[in-house]
Amino acid sequence: MIVDIELASSEDNPQLIFESLNYSGKKLEESDLIRNYILMNQPATEQEKLYKLYWHPIEVNTNYQTSEFIRHALSYKKGKVPNKNRIYEEFKCWIDKTLETETLETVAKELKNLSQYYGWLLNGKSGWKQLDSAIEDLNGLGVTVCYPFLLEVLNKHYSMEELDEEETLKCFKIMETLIFRRSILGLPSNALTKFLAGLANKIKNSRLSMSYTDKLAYLLANESNCRLPYDGEFKSLLLTKEIYNGQKRVCEYLLRKLEHYDHKEPVDLEQCTIEHIMPQKLSSQWIEELGSDWKRIKEQYLHTLGNLTYTGYNSKYSNMPFQEKLTMSKGFNESRLRLNQSVKNKQYWTESAIKNRAEELAELALEIWAYPSNIPIADEQKEQEPTGLLICLSDEYEYSDVTGSKVKTVEIFGTTYPITSWKELYTLTFELLTKKDELLFQQVAQGKLFKTSTECRRSPHQLSNGY
């Protein structure tokens, strides 16, 4: 059924009538309201032109996910994320102000360009091989919080020609590293969503004398609530976190990247699934090989990186003894996967074998998702920032009074880590100590700082060993 409503042009506002449909019938999409707000007051010929040249291509470019695209575009343009239920209202405020200095066609053209970039972010089909690969990697994490900032990056590269190919790809890699490292640490994304929406403006307004990507790296390294996790804590969690439990998508992404990194002839993993080398259900032979401490070993390492791999023969392997998994037809000894090469060299699959493999893969992860090196700090920024302290915990450490000081860097066992608080210094120090010398940690843990429960503790932090 088609309803034709005649309006008195001098008395009736067609847009208000159209908006009212939102309250009396099927709920309209935010993009429907936006489209009509743009077109309604234009002459018929201008409406047709704007629709054919700009609005319809926007819908096609975004695979008709137009409301979500407008939300990301507004986040980029305004520097803050609009509520999903107020996209139309936010858009009206933005475009009314924008049209004070720009023409409607200019705005429509920019939105069309942004919609093309947004479509590339969705489907990874820009035609630029390296960019499409970077987009595929990001989308493997299943997050879109960085889309507003990446619209800025693509706009600067294609429309404004302010970023070259190397810097554009570097921005994508930094975003991937940020998202993945934070997911491993289990850091919340709500603050990150707001921060990334305004990141383009932070870079634009920065007075630092450095390249765009160096400004990006600097801001991410020094943002307390949304910072890029440093190597020590990232590696520590990679070694101990039950990555298979609760983060299966991240686990698949991690193993795929470890397998394909710097590989000119990568194996297609489409038909492969995640395999627990030490199986989830232990046979009597597995229990015997693991020894008297088998329950702890299973509980501690079953779902961790060192015990996980890819195989196309998961159901065939089942819970077979390790030696059979090695030597059977299509077993680990015949596998072409990089992930399985170190498994071939083991006679038994023990706690030490799992830990050694985890260490090997974690080191490779530090190379793939590398922390930006030598982040420069401009002289004027040094004057504005607190001086901070460099604290070295070593045999030559001398006591100094740090009352009232702010900590920015800590050097532990020869490695330097950027940090933002004294609490972070404590937790990092003791986390690394558990990995280097468990006996020494147990001696330290007899003090008042440590408990095995959260009772009587304000803002407790649990270490990977349970304390």
Protein backbone atom coordinates (compact mmCIF):
# COMPACT_ATOMS: atom_id res chain seq x y z
CA MET A 1 0.00 0.00 0.00
CA ILE A 2 1.24 3.48 -0.90
CA VAL A 3 0.04 6.55 0.99
CA ASP A 4 0.20 9.95 -0.75
CA ILE A 5 0.03 12.90 1.64
CA GLU A 6 -0.45 16.38 0.20
CA LEU A 7 1.15 19.20 2.20
CA ALA A 8 0.68 22.93 2.21
CA SER A 9 4.17 24.14 1.45
CA SER A 10 3.77 27.33 3.44
CA GLU A 11 2.38 25.65 6.54
CA ASP A 12 3.63 22.06 6.80
CA ASN A 13 7.18 20.86 7.53
CA PRO A 14 7.66 17.58 5.62
CA GLN A 15 10.74 16.62 7.64
CA LEU A 16 8.86 16.86 10.94
CA ILE A 17 6.08 14.71 9.49
CA PHE A 18 8.62 12.17 8.28
CA GLU A 19 10.32 12.11 11.70
CA SER A 20 6.94 11.52 13.37
CA LEU A 21 6.64 8.23 11.49
CA ASN A 22 9.38 7.01 13.79
CA TYR A 23 6.93 7.10 16.69
CA SER A 24 3.79 5.73 15.03
CA GLY A 25 4.91 2.75 13.00
CA LYS A 26 7.95 0.65 12.20
CA LYS A 27 11.06 2.30 13.57
CA LEU A 28 13.03 4.07 10.88
CA GLU A 29 16.77 3.66 10.56
CA GLU A 30 18.85 6.63 11.68
CA SER A 31 20.20 6.76 8.11
CA ASP A 32 16.65 7.08 6.73
CA LEU A 33 16.11 10.19 8.81
CA ILE A 34 19.50 11.57 7.80
CA ARG A 35 18.90 10.97 4.09
CA ASN A 36 15.60 12.80 4.20
CA TYR A 37 17.01 15.63 6.28
CA ILE A 38 19.65 16.18 3.60
CA LEU A 39 17.32 15.92 0.62
CA MET A 40 13.90 17.10 1.79
CA ASN A 41 14.33 20.87 1.43
CA GLN A 42 16.14 20.67 -1.91
CA PRO A 43 14.45 21.21 -5.32
CA ALA A 44 13.44 17.99 -7.06
CA THR A 45 16.28 18.12 -9.59
CA GLU A 46 18.83 18.76 -6.81
CA GLN A 47 17.40 15.90 -4.75
CA GLU A 48 17.83 13.50 -7.65
CA LYS A 49 21.38 14.71 -8.27
CA LEU A 50 22.43 14.41 -4.61
CA TYR A 51 20.86 10.99 -4.29
CA LYS A 52 22.38 9.50 -7.45
CA LEU A 53 25.83 11.07 -7.17
CA TYR A 54 26.34 10.79 -3.41
CA TRP A 55 23.76 9.16 -1.16
CA HIS A 56 23.16 5.95 -3.12
CA PRO A 57 26.94 5.37 -3.61
CA ILE A 58 27.33 5.88 0.17
CA GLU A 59 24.79 3.11 0.79
CA VAL A 60 26.49 0.79 -1.70
CA ASN A 61 30.01 1.53 -0.39
CA THR A 62 28.97 0.71 3.17
CA ASN A 63 27.04 -2.41 2.22
CA TYR A 64 23.91 -0.58 3.39
CA GLN A 65 25.31 -0.34 6.93
CA THR A 66 24.80 3.39 6.53
CA SER A 67 23.77 4.25 10.08
CA GLU A 68 26.88 2.65 11.52
CA PHE A 69 29.05 4.38 8.93
CA ILE A 70 27.55 7.77 9.84
CA ARG A 71 28.26 7.02 13.50
CA HIS A 72 31.93 6.29 12.79
CA ALA A 73 32.20 9.29 10.46
CA LEU A 74 30.71 11.58 13.14
CA SER A 75 33.14 10.13 15.71
CA TYR A 76 36.01 11.06 13.38
CA LYS A 77 34.70 14.52 12.50
CA LYS A 78 33.55 15.56 15.99
CA GLY A 79 36.12 13.70 18.09
CA LYS A 80 33.51 11.96 20.25
CA VAL A 81 31.29 8.90 19.83
CA PRO A 82 27.55 9.58 19.38
CA ASN A 83 25.00 7.40 21.13
CA LYS A 84 23.63 4.77 18.75
CA ASN A 85 20.10 6.03 19.38
CA ARG A 86 21.02 9.67 18.73
CA ILE A 87 22.99 9.44 15.49
CA TYR A 88 20.38 11.48 13.63
CA GLU A 89 20.24 14.22 16.26
CA GLU A 90 24.04 14.44 16.39
CA PHE A 91 24.24 14.51 12.60
CA LYS A 92 21.74 17.38 12.38
CA CYS A 93 23.81 19.46 14.82
CA TRP A 94 27.02 18.69 12.96
CA ILE A 95 25.79 19.34 9.41
CA ASP A 96 23.88 22.50 10.33
CA LYS A 97 27.08 23.97 11.75
CA THR A 98 29.19 22.68 8.86
CA LEU A 99 26.88 24.20 6.25
CA GLU A 100 27.59 27.63 7.69
CA THR A 101 30.95 27.52 5.91
CA GLU A 102 30.61 24.74 3.30
CA THR A 103 28.14 23.78 0.58
CA LEU A 104 25.91 20.72 0.88
CA GLU A 105 27.54 19.15 -2.17
CA THR A 106 31.02 19.58 -0.63
CA VAL A 107 29.87 17.80 2.53
CA ALA A 108 28.15 15.08 0.49
CA LYS A 109 31.32 14.52 -1.53
CA GLU A 110 33.43 14.15 1.63
CA LEU A 111 30.94 11.68 3.11
CA LYS A 112 31.04 9.70 -0.13
CA ASN A 113 34.86 9.52 0.05
CA LEU A 114 34.72 8.45 3.69
CA SER A 115 32.11 5.82 2.83
CA GLN A 116 34.50 4.31 0.30
CA TYR A 117 37.23 4.08 2.95
CA TYR A 118 34.72 2.63 5.40
CA GLY A 119 33.75 -0.01 2.86
CA TRP A 120 37.42 -0.96 2.54
CA LEU A 121 37.63 -1.33 6.32
CA LEU A 122 34.65 -3.69 6.18
CA ASN A 123 35.71 -5.87 3.27
CA GLY A 124 39.45 -5.31 2.76
CA LYS A 125 39.04 -4.73 -0.98
CA SER A 126 40.84 -1.46 -1.64
CA GLY A 127 43.01 -2.97 -4.37
CA TRP A 128 46.19 -2.11 -2.44
CA LYS A 129 47.55 -5.48 -1.40
CA GLN A 130 49.47 -4.39 1.70
CA LEU A 131 46.57 -2.29 2.97
CA ASP A 132 44.06 -5.08 2.42
CA SER A 133 46.32 -7.46 4.34
CA ALA A 134 46.54 -4.95 7.23
CA ILE A 135 42.74 -4.59 7.26
CA GLU A 136 42.30 -8.37 7.26
CA ASP A 137 44.58 -8.62 10.29
CA LEU A 138 42.65 -5.94 12.16
CA ASN A 139 39.30 -7.46 11.32
CA GLY A 140 40.59 -10.80 12.59
CA LEU A 141 40.37 -9.28 16.06
CA GLY A 142 36.68 -8.51 15.56
CA VAL A 143 36.82 -4.92 16.83
CA THR A 144 35.83 -1.64 15.19
CA VAL A 145 36.81 0.91 17.87
CA CYS A 146 39.70 2.11 15.73
CA TYR A 147 37.56 2.78 12.61
CA PRO A 148 37.08 6.52 13.28
CA PHE A 149 40.84 7.04 13.52
CA LEU A 150 41.53 4.86 10.48
CA LEU A 151 39.05 6.94 8.46
CA GLU A 152 41.31 9.88 9.28
CA VAL A 153 44.40 7.93 8.19
CA LEU A 154 42.87 6.87 4.86
CA ASN A 155 41.51 10.37 4.27
CA LYS A 156 44.96 11.83 4.87
CA HIS A 157 46.52 9.34 2.44
CA TYR A 158 44.00 9.38 -0.42
CA SER A 159 42.15 12.70 -0.26
CA MET A 160 44.62 15.04 1.38
CA GLU A 161 47.86 13.31 0.28
CA GLU A 162 49.49 14.08 3.63
CA LEU A 163 50.53 10.53 4.51
CA ASP A 164 52.70 8.35 2.27
CA GLU A 165 52.23 4.59 1.90
CA GLU A 166 54.81 3.69 4.56
CA GLU A 167 53.26 5.94 7.21
CA THR A 168 49.73 4.82 6.33
CA LEU A 169 50.62 1.15 6.77
CA LYS A 170 52.52 1.95 9.96
CA CYS A 171 49.39 3.57 11.43
CA PHE A 172 47.42 0.39 10.74
CA LYS A 173 50.13 -1.75 12.32
CA ILE A 174 50.26 0.41 15.45
CA MET A 175 46.47 0.13 15.78
CA GLU A 176 46.62 -3.65 15.38
CA THR A 177 49.37 -3.88 18.00
CA LEU A 178 47.41 -1.66 20.40
CA ILE A 179 44.18 -3.66 20.06
CA PHE A 180 45.86 -7.06 20.30
CA ARG A 181 48.16 -6.28 23.21
CA ARG A 182 45.29 -4.80 25.19
CA SER A 183 43.08 -7.83 24.43
CA ILE A 184 45.77 -10.15 25.79
CA LEU A 185 45.91 -8.11 28.98
CA GLY A 186 42.12 -8.06 29.17
CA LEU A 187 42.02 -4.25 29.37
CA PRO A 188 38.56 -2.64 28.97
CA SER A 189 37.66 -1.07 25.62
CA ASN A 190 35.15 1.57 26.80
CA ALA A 191 37.81 4.20 27.55
CA LEU A 192 39.67 3.21 24.38
CA THR A 193 36.58 3.88 22.25
CA LYS A 194 36.39 7.47 23.47
CA PHE A 195 40.14 8.01 23.23
CA LEU A 196 40.45 6.74 19.65
CA ALA A 197 37.52 8.87 18.50
CA GLY A 198 39.45 11.97 19.54
CA LEU A 199 42.91 10.70 18.63
CA ALA A 200 43.07 12.49 15.26
CA ASN A 201 42.45 15.83 16.98
CA LYS A 202 45.07 15.05 19.64
CA ILE A 203 47.66 14.43 16.92
CA LYS A 204 46.57 17.53 15.00
CA ASN A 205 46.82 19.74 18.09
CA SER A 206 50.11 18.23 19.30
CA ARG A 207 53.05 20.64 19.36
CA LEU A 208 55.57 17.82 19.08
CA SER A 209 58.05 18.21 16.23
CA MET A 210 57.90 14.72 14.79
CA SER A 211 56.22 12.66 12.10
CA TYR A 212 52.52 11.74 12.21
CA THR A 213 53.23 8.12 13.14
CA ASP A 214 55.75 9.11 15.82
CA LYS A 215 53.15 11.44 17.35
CA LEU A 216 50.68 8.54 17.27
CA ALA A 217 53.16 6.20 18.97
CA TYR A 218 54.07 8.83 21.57
CA LEU A 219 50.44 9.51 22.49
CA LEU A 220 49.65 5.81 22.82
CA ALA A 221 52.75 5.19 24.93
CA ASN A 222 51.93 8.02 27.33
CA GLU A 223 48.14 7.83 27.60
CA SER A 224 47.56 6.44 31.11
CA ASN A 225 44.07 4.96 30.60
CA CYS A 226 44.46 3.76 27.01
CA ARG A 227 48.17 3.13 26.74
CA LEU A 228 49.91 0.58 24.57
CA PRO A 229 50.98 -2.28 26.89
CA TYR A 230 54.74 -2.69 27.18
CA ASP A 231 56.75 -5.81 26.34
CA GLY A 232 57.12 -7.20 29.86
CA GLU A 233 53.45 -7.43 30.76
CA PHE A 234 52.46 -8.49 27.24
CA LYS A 235 54.93 -11.38 27.20
CA SER A 236 54.11 -12.36 30.77
CA LEU A 237 50.43 -12.83 29.90
CA LEU A 238 51.24 -14.60 26.63
CA LEU A 239 53.19 -17.18 28.63
CA THR A 240 50.53 -17.80 31.27
CA LYS A 241 47.09 -16.68 30.05
CA GLU A 242 44.45 -19.30 29.20
CA ILE A 243 44.10 -17.78 25.75
CA TYR A 244 41.80 -20.55 24.49
CA ASN A 245 39.23 -19.93 27.23
CA GLY A 246 36.88 -17.04 26.57
CA GLN A 247 38.96 -15.52 23.74
CA LYS A 248 38.78 -18.14 21.03
CA ARG A 249 38.68 -15.57 18.22
CA VAL A 250 41.78 -13.85 19.60
CA CYS A 251 43.41 -17.27 20.01
CA GLU A 252 42.75 -18.15 16.35
CA TYR A 253 44.08 -14.77 15.26
CA LEU A 254 47.23 -15.19 17.39
CA LEU A 255 48.05 -18.66 16.07
CA ARG A 256 47.35 -17.65 12.46
CA LYS A 257 49.66 -14.65 12.70
CA LEU A 258 52.41 -16.70 14.37
CA GLU A 259 52.10 -19.27 11.58
CA HIS A 260 52.08 -16.86 8.63
CA TYR A 261 54.50 -14.18 9.84
CA ASP A 262 57.26 -13.45 7.31
CA HIS A 263 56.34 -16.61 5.39
CA LYS A 264 56.47 -16.50 1.58
CA GLU A 265 54.68 -19.84 1.19
CA PRO A 266 52.09 -19.86 3.98
CA VAL A 267 49.92 -22.92 4.53
CA ASP A 268 46.17 -22.37 4.07
CA LEU A 269 44.63 -22.72 7.54
CA GLU A 270 41.02 -22.68 6.32
CA GLN A 271 40.57 -26.40 6.99
CA CYS A 272 42.57 -26.38 10.23
CA THR A 273 41.31 -26.12 13.80
CA ILE A 274 42.96 -25.48 17.16
CA GLU A 275 44.58 -28.55 18.68
CA HIS A 276 45.55 -29.06 22.32
CA ILE A 277 48.82 -30.99 22.18
CA MET A 278 48.24 -32.18 25.73
CA PRO A 279 44.57 -33.10 25.24
CA GLN A 280 41.65 -31.78 27.25
CA LYS A 281 40.76 -35.31 28.34
CA LEU A 282 43.85 -37.14 29.56
CA SER A 283 44.23 -40.87 29.03
CA SER A 284 46.00 -43.05 31.60
CA GLN A 285 49.11 -42.99 29.40
CA TRP A 286 49.14 -39.18 29.35
CA ILE A 287 48.76 -39.09 33.14
CA GLU A 288 51.65 -41.51 33.50
CA GLU A 289 53.90 -39.47 31.19
CA LEU A 290 53.10 -36.19 32.95
CA GLY A 291 53.91 -37.70 36.34
CA SER A 292 52.53 -37.28 39.83
CA ASP A 293 51.93 -33.55 39.32
CA TRP A 294 49.73 -34.10 36.26
CA LYS A 295 46.66 -32.35 37.71
CA ARG A 296 48.53 -29.09 38.29
CA ILE A 297 50.23 -29.27 34.89
CA LYS A 298 46.92 -29.78 33.12
CA GLU A 299 45.16 -27.04 35.07
CA GLN A 300 48.01 -24.55 34.59
CA TYR A 301 48.96 -25.14 30.95
CA LEU A 302 46.10 -26.84 29.07
CA HIS A 303 44.68 -23.71 27.40
CA THR A 304 47.90 -21.67 27.26
CA LEU A 305 49.89 -20.70 24.17
CA GLY A 306 52.62 -23.31 24.67
CA ASN A 307 50.11 -26.16 24.40
CA LEU A 308 48.08 -24.88 21.44
CA THR A 309 48.61 -25.33 17.72
CA TYR A 310 46.77 -25.77 14.42
CA THR A 311 46.07 -29.04 12.64
CA GLY A 312 43.76 -30.36 9.98
CA TYR A 313 43.49 -33.68 11.86
CA ASN A 314 42.08 -32.65 15.23
CA SER A 315 39.51 -35.44 15.49
CA LYS A 316 42.08 -38.00 14.38
CA TYR A 317 44.58 -36.95 17.05
CA SER A 318 41.93 -37.00 19.81
CA ASN A 319 43.63 -37.81 23.13
CA MET A 320 46.24 -40.15 21.68
CA PRO A 321 49.59 -40.40 23.51
CA PHE A 322 52.15 -37.83 22.42
CA GLN A 323 54.38 -40.32 20.62
CA GLU A 324 51.46 -41.50 18.51
CA LYS A 325 50.54 -37.92 17.64
CA LEU A 326 54.11 -37.50 16.41
CA THR A 327 54.56 -40.65 14.36
CA MET A 328 51.09 -41.54 13.09
CA SER A 329 50.12 -40.93 9.46
CA LYS A 330 49.58 -37.14 9.07
CA GLY A 331 51.01 -36.68 12.56
CA PHE A 332 53.17 -33.81 13.80
CA ASN A 333 56.30 -35.27 12.19
CA GLU A 334 54.68 -34.81 8.77
CA SER A 335 53.23 -31.38 9.47
CA ARG A 336 54.33 -28.45 7.29
CA LEU A 337 53.12 -25.86 9.79
CA ARG A 338 55.72 -23.59 11.39
CA LEU A 339 53.81 -23.91 14.67
CA ASN A 340 54.54 -27.63 14.76
CA GLN A 341 58.24 -27.61 13.91
CA SER A 342 59.43 -27.35 17.52
CA VAL A 343 56.93 -30.04 18.55
CA LYS A 344 58.69 -32.54 16.27
CA ASN A 345 61.90 -32.27 18.25
CA LYS A 346 60.35 -33.43 21.53
CA GLN A 347 60.44 -36.99 22.76
CA TYR A 348 57.94 -36.26 25.52
CA TRP A 349 55.39 -33.49 26.01
CA THR A 350 56.17 -32.27 29.51
CA GLU A 351 55.77 -29.09 31.54
CA SER A 352 59.22 -27.89 30.44
CA ALA A 353 58.40 -28.62 26.78
CA ILE A 354 55.24 -26.50 27.02
CA LYS A 355 57.09 -23.66 28.76
CA ASN A 356 59.94 -23.71 26.23
CA ARG A 357 57.57 -23.60 23.28
CA ALA A 358 55.58 -20.78 24.88
CA GLU A 359 58.80 -18.80 25.37
CA GLU A 360 59.74 -19.33 21.73
CA LEU A 361 56.32 -18.23 20.45
CA ALA A 362 56.13 -15.28 22.84
CA GLU A 363 59.47 -13.97 21.55
CA LEU A 364 58.13 -14.22 18.01
CA ALA A 365 54.99 -12.34 19.14
CA LEU A 366 57.17 -9.50 20.46
CA GLU A 367 58.61 -9.22 16.95
CA ILE A 368 55.23 -9.33 15.19
CA TRP A 369 53.44 -6.89 17.52
CA ALA A 370 56.50 -4.81 18.29
CA TYR A 371 56.45 -1.94 20.74
CA PRO A 372 57.41 1.25 18.85
CA SER A 373 61.14 1.77 19.32
CA ASN A 374 62.95 5.01 20.08
CA ILE A 375 59.82 7.12 20.41
CA PRO A 376 61.23 10.67 20.17
CA ILE A 377 60.16 13.38 22.59
CA ALA A 378 60.45 16.99 21.47
CA ASP A 379 62.42 19.42 23.64
CA GLU A 380 59.38 21.58 24.39
CA GLN A 381 57.44 18.50 25.52
CA LYS A 382 60.25 17.52 27.87
CA GLU A 383 59.88 20.87 29.58
CA GLN A 384 56.13 20.44 30.01
CA GLU A 385 56.16 16.87 31.25
CA PRO A 386 57.14 15.88 34.81
CA THR A 387 60.76 14.85 34.97
CA GLY A 388 59.92 11.49 36.52
CA LEU A 389 62.46 8.95 37.73
CA LEU A 390 64.47 6.16 36.21
CA ILE A 391 64.50 3.37 38.77
CA CYS A 392 66.97 0.55 38.32
CA LEU A 393 66.40 -2.62 40.31
CA SER A 394 69.75 -4.36 40.15
CA ASP A 395 72.67 -5.41 42.32
CA GLU A 396 73.94 -1.83 42.18
CA TYR A 397 70.65 -0.28 43.22
CA GLU A 398 71.01 2.50 45.80
CA TYR A 399 68.19 3.80 47.95
CA SER A 400 66.83 7.22 47.10
CA ASP A 401 63.91 9.16 48.53
CA VAL A 402 61.10 9.17 45.95
CA THR A 403 58.44 10.87 48.06
CA GLY A 404 56.25 13.11 45.88
CA SER A 405 57.87 11.88 42.66
CA LYS A 406 56.13 10.50 39.59
CA VAL A 407 57.47 7.32 38.05
CA LYS A 408 57.68 6.99 34.27
CA THR A 409 60.29 4.30 33.62
CA VAL A 410 61.60 1.22 35.38
CA GLU A 411 64.56 -0.95 34.43
CA ILE A 412 64.31 -4.55 35.64
CA PHE A 413 66.88 -7.23 34.88
CA GLY A 414 68.37 -5.06 32.13
CA THR A 415 65.10 -4.27 30.31
CA THR A 416 63.44 -0.83 30.43
CA TYR A 417 59.65 -0.51 30.67
CA PRO A 418 57.50 2.66 30.46
CA ILE A 419 55.01 2.80 33.36
CA THR A 420 52.49 5.28 34.68
CA SER A 421 52.11 4.64 38.42
CA TRP A 422 53.83 3.22 41.49
CA LYS A 423 51.22 0.46 41.64
CA GLU A 424 52.17 -0.56 38.12
CA LEU A 425 55.84 -0.63 39.14
CA TYR A 426 55.05 -3.02 42.01
CA THR A 427 52.90 -5.38 39.96
CA LEU A 428 55.33 -5.50 37.03
CA THR A 429 58.32 -6.07 39.31
CA PHE A 430 56.74 -8.96 41.17
CA GLU A 431 55.25 -10.48 38.01
CA LEU A 432 58.71 -10.62 36.43
CA LEU A 433 60.20 -11.91 39.67
CA THR A 434 57.82 -14.88 39.63
CA LYS A 435 59.15 -15.81 36.21
CA LYS A 436 62.84 -15.34 37.03
CA ASP A 437 63.12 -16.74 40.56
CA GLU A 438 60.03 -18.35 42.10
CA LEU A 439 61.92 -19.24 45.30
CA LEU A 440 62.98 -15.65 45.85
CA PHE A 441 59.42 -14.51 45.17
CA GLN A 442 58.09 -16.92 47.80
CA GLN A 443 60.50 -15.39 50.31
CA VAL A 444 59.34 -11.88 49.43
CA ALA A 445 55.70 -12.99 49.50
CA GLN A 446 55.89 -13.69 53.22
CA GLY A 447 55.54 -9.93 53.77
CA LYS A 448 52.35 -7.94 54.33
CA LEU A 449 51.91 -6.98 50.66
CA PHE A 450 50.74 -10.42 49.60
CA LYS A 451 47.69 -12.54 50.26
CA THR A 452 46.10 -15.43 48.39
CA SER A 453 42.66 -13.79 48.69
CA THR A 454 41.30 -10.26 48.17
CA GLU A 455 40.14 -9.97 51.80
CA CYS A 456 41.08 -6.65 53.41
CA ARG A 457 42.68 -5.41 50.21
CA ARG A 458 41.81 -2.15 48.42
CA SER A 459 42.08 -2.40 44.59
CA PRO A 460 43.96 -5.73 44.68
CA HIS A 461 45.91 -7.03 41.68
CA GLN A 462 46.26 -10.76 41.11
CA LEU A 463 49.58 -12.04 39.79
CA SER A 464 49.71 -14.90 37.31
CA ASN A 465 50.85 -17.33 40.04
CA GLY A 466 47.71 -16.72 42.12
CA TYR A 467 48.96 -14.15 44.65
